[in-house]
C-alpha atoms as a PDB file:
ATOM      1  CA  UNK A   1      88.384 127.899 -63.791  1.00  0.00           C
ATOM      2  CA  UNK A   2      91.532 125.635 -63.437  1.00  0.00           C
ATOM      3  CA  UNK A   3      92.321 123.983 -60.046  1.00  0.00           C
ATOM      4  CA  UNK A   4      95.653 126.071 -60.198  1.00  0.00           C
ATOM      5  CA  UNK A   5      93.764 129.343 -60.686  1.00  0.00           C
ATOM      6  CA  UNK A   6      91.355 128.526 -57.793  1.00  0.00           C
ATOM      7  CA  UNK A   7      94.429 127.807 -55.551  1.00  0.00           C
ATOM      8  CA  UNK A   8      95.792 131.110 -56.482  1.00  0.00           C
ATOM      9  CA  UNK A   9      92.402 132.735 -55.727  1.00  0.00           C
ATOM     10  CA  UNK A  10      91.877 131.317 -52.358  1.00  0.00           C
ATOM     11  CA  UNK A  11      95.466 131.970 -51.449  1.00  0.00           C
ATOM     12  CA  UNK A  12      95.114 135.612 -52.405  1.00  0.00           C
ATOM     13  CA  UNK A  13      91.787 135.864 -50.494  1.00  0.00           C
ATOM     14  CA  UNK A  14      93.333 134.490 -47.578  1.00  0.00           C
ATOM     15  CA  UNK A  15      96.264 136.915 -47.653  1.00  0.00           C
ATOM     16  CA  UNK A  16      94.010 139.983 -48.283  1.00  0.00           C
ATOM     17  CA  UNK A  17      91.263 138.887 -45.456  1.00  0.00           C
ATOM     18  CA  UNK A  18      94.016 138.149 -42.925  1.00  0.00           C
ATOM     19  CA  UNK A  19      95.690 141.554 -43.524  1.00  0.00           C
ATOM     20  CA  UNK A  20      92.421 143.535 -43.416  1.00  0.00           C
ATOM     21  CA  UNK A  21      91.054 141.681 -40.180  1.00  0.00           C
ATOM     22  CA  UNK A  22      94.433 141.962 -38.471  1.00  0.00           C
ATOM     23  CA  UNK A  23      94.723 145.602 -38.646  1.00  0.00           C
ATOM     24  CA  UNK A  24      90.852 146.284 -38.267  1.00  0.00           C
ATOM     25  CA  UNK A  25      89.552 143.923 -35.755  1.00  0.00           C
ATOM     26  CA  UNK A  26      90.189 142.044 -32.452  1.00  0.00           C
ATOM     27  CA  UNK A  27      89.747 138.589 -31.316  1.00  0.00           C
ATOM     28  CA  UNK A  28      90.792 136.719 -34.392  1.00  0.00           C
ATOM     29  CA  UNK A  29      91.107 132.767 -34.150  1.00  0.00           C
ATOM     30  CA  UNK A  30      92.763 130.291 -36.333  1.00  0.00           C
ATOM     31  CA  UNK A  31      90.746 128.816 -38.950  1.00  0.00           C
ATOM     32  CA  UNK A  32      91.735 125.301 -40.532  1.00  0.00           C
ATOM     33  CA  UNK A  33      89.621 124.110 -43.231  1.00  0.00           C
ATOM     34  CA  UNK A  34      89.543 121.942 -46.326  1.00  0.00           C
ATOM     35  CA  UNK A  35      87.671 123.063 -49.314  1.00  0.00           C
ATOM     36  CA  UNK A  36      86.693 121.022 -52.358  1.00  0.00           C
ATOM     37  CA  UNK A  37      87.068 122.162 -55.796  1.00  0.00           C
ATOM     38  CA  UNK A  38      86.813 119.702 -58.860  1.00  0.00           C
ATOM     39  CA  UNK A  39      87.499 116.623 -56.911  1.00  0.00           C
ATOM     40  CA  UNK A  40      90.817 118.213 -55.248  1.00  0.00           C
ATOM     41  CA  UNK A  41      91.009 119.243 -51.758  1.00  0.00           C
ATOM     42  CA  UNK A  42      92.748 122.721 -50.847  1.00  0.00           C
ATOM     43  CA  UNK A  43      93.770 123.282 -47.289  1.00  0.00           C
ATOM     44  CA  UNK A  44      93.176 126.911 -45.751  1.00  0.00           C
ATOM     45  CA  UNK A  45      94.814 128.194 -42.535  1.00  0.00           C
ATOM     46  CA  UNK A  46      93.879 131.734 -41.469  1.00  0.00           C
ATOM     47  CA  UNK A  47      93.318 133.929 -38.565  1.00  0.00           C
ATOM     48  CA  UNK A  48      90.004 136.010 -38.890  1.00  0.00           C
ATOM     49  CA  UNK A  49      87.456 137.257 -36.690  1.00  0.00           C
ATOM     50  CA  UNK A  50      83.550 136.131 -36.976  1.00  0.00           C
ATOM     51  CA  UNK A  51      82.819 139.131 -39.343  1.00  0.00           C
ATOM     52  CA  UNK A  52      85.348 138.423 -41.680  1.00  0.00           C
ATOM     53  CA  UNK A  53      85.112 134.694 -41.488  1.00  0.00           C
ATOM     54  CA  UNK A  54      81.547 134.871 -42.880  1.00  0.00           C
ATOM     55  CA  UNK A  55      82.652 137.116 -45.810  1.00  0.00           C
ATOM     56  CA  UNK A  56      85.558 134.786 -46.382  1.00  0.00           C
ATOM     57  CA  UNK A  57      83.455 132.100 -46.744  1.00  0.00           C
ATOM     58  CA  UNK A  58      80.807 133.633 -48.810  1.00  0.00           C
ATOM     59  CA  UNK A  59      83.659 134.646 -51.254  1.00  0.00           C
ATOM     60  CA  UNK A  60      85.022 131.286 -51.419  1.00  0.00           C
ATOM     61  CA  UNK A  61      81.714 129.988 -52.211  1.00  0.00           C
ATOM     62  CA  UNK A  62      81.099 132.312 -55.028  1.00  0.00           C
ATOM     63  CA  UNK A  63      84.651 131.138 -56.311  1.00  0.00           C
ATOM     64  CA  UNK A  64      83.462 127.650 -56.352  1.00  0.00           C
ATOM     65  CA  UNK A  65      80.351 128.277 -58.286  1.00  0.00           C
ATOM     66  CA  UNK A  66      82.088 130.745 -60.899  1.00  0.00           C
ATOM     67  CA  UNK A  67      80.523 129.916 -64.165  1.00  0.00           C
ATOM     68  CA  UNK A  68      83.513 131.072 -66.141  1.00  0.00           C
ATOM     69  CA  UNK A  69      86.064 128.785 -67.649  1.00  0.00           C
ATOM     70  CA  UNK A  70      88.627 131.910 -67.719  1.00  0.00           C
ATOM     71  CA  UNK A  71      87.664 133.681 -64.415  1.00  0.00           C
ATOM     72  CA  UNK A  72      87.558 137.539 -65.135  1.00  0.00           C
ATOM     73  CA  UNK A  73      88.465 139.722 -62.423  1.00  0.00           C
ATOM     74  CA  UNK A  74      85.092 140.293 -60.551  1.00  0.00           C
ATOM     75  CA  UNK A  75      84.609 143.756 -60.787  1.00  0.00           C
ATOM     76  CA  UNK A  76      85.145 143.364 -64.814  1.00  0.00           C
ATOM     77  CA  UNK A  77      82.443 140.256 -64.717  1.00  0.00           C
ATOM     78  CA  UNK A  78      79.773 140.539 -67.271  1.00  0.00           C
ATOM     79  CA  UNK A  79      77.234 138.973 -64.822  1.00  0.00           C
ATOM     80  CA  UNK A  80      78.393 139.611 -61.254  1.00  0.00           C
ATOM     81  CA  UNK A  81      77.196 137.121 -58.707  1.00  0.00           C
ATOM     82  CA  UNK A  82      78.023 138.985 -55.352  1.00  0.00           C
ATOM     83  CA  UNK A  83      74.950 140.528 -53.553  1.00  0.00           C
ATOM     84  CA  UNK A  84      75.344 144.270 -53.285  1.00  0.00           C
ATOM     85  CA  UNK A  85      75.993 144.272 -49.430  1.00  0.00           C
ATOM     86  CA  UNK A  86      78.822 141.556 -49.700  1.00  0.00           C
ATOM     87  CA  UNK A  87      80.393 143.310 -52.617  1.00  0.00           C
ATOM     88  CA  UNK A  88      80.793 146.450 -50.911  1.00  0.00           C
ATOM     89  CA  UNK A  89      82.184 144.874 -47.811  1.00  0.00           C
ATOM     90  CA  UNK A  90      84.655 142.763 -50.134  1.00  0.00           C
ATOM     91  CA  UNK A  91      85.777 145.713 -51.936  1.00  0.00           C
ATOM     92  CA  UNK A  92      86.481 147.596 -48.618  1.00  0.00           C
ATOM     93  CA  UNK A  93      88.591 144.399 -47.743  1.00  0.00           C
ATOM     94  CA  UNK A  94      90.305 144.203 -50.908  1.00  0.00           C
ATOM     95  CA  UNK A  95      91.086 148.259 -51.235  1.00  0.00           C
ATOM     96  CA  UNK A  96      92.483 148.414 -47.711  1.00  0.00           C
ATOM     97  CA  UNK A  97      94.481 145.272 -47.845  1.00  0.00           C
ATOM     98  CA  UNK A  98      95.807 146.100 -51.327  1.00  0.00           C
ATOM     99  CA  UNK A  99      97.183 149.393 -50.243  1.00  0.00           C
ATOM    100  CA  UNK A 100      98.767 147.652 -47.073  1.00  0.00           C
ATOM    101  CA  UNK A 101     100.332 144.832 -49.008  1.00  0.00           C
ATOM    102  CA  UNK A 102     101.490 147.265 -51.583  1.00  0.00           C
ATOM    103  CA  UNK A 103     103.333 149.559 -49.125  1.00  0.00           C
ATOM    104  CA  UNK A 104     104.853 146.494 -47.586  1.00  0.00           C
ATOM    105  CA  UNK A 105     106.504 145.335 -50.901  1.00  0.00           C
ATOM    106  CA  UNK A 106     107.645 149.017 -51.726  1.00  0.00           C
ATOM    107  CA  UNK A 107     109.359 148.985 -48.365  1.00  0.00           C
ATOM    108  CA  UNK A 108     111.124 145.701 -48.810  1.00  0.00           C
ATOM    109  CA  UNK A 109     112.356 147.090 -52.206  1.00  0.00           C
ATOM    110  CA  UNK A 110     114.098 150.080 -50.471  1.00  0.00           C
ATOM    111  CA  UNK A 111     115.483 148.330 -47.196  1.00  0.00           C
END
């Protein structure tokens, strides 16, 4: 995966996790971190609770170790690397956030 694609992926994960956590959990705290991928540093700045932070870093780790040169969508991956429990939790985050973020975009179009 290219560095640009990795950057896009972590920004997407950050937005989805932050949206989900903000709507479903209390006691978020700011997380500032630097993640290294292919000799380049990427800064992360999100507000998450402990539970979401754990799954977020699990997802980042899986991204860093993705064996595909051209990363497919995880749900269409021929050899998925997520454990079943984490896959279900991530699916819940993505589904919930996707709906909320989609509605926000639609709302902006009509206002």
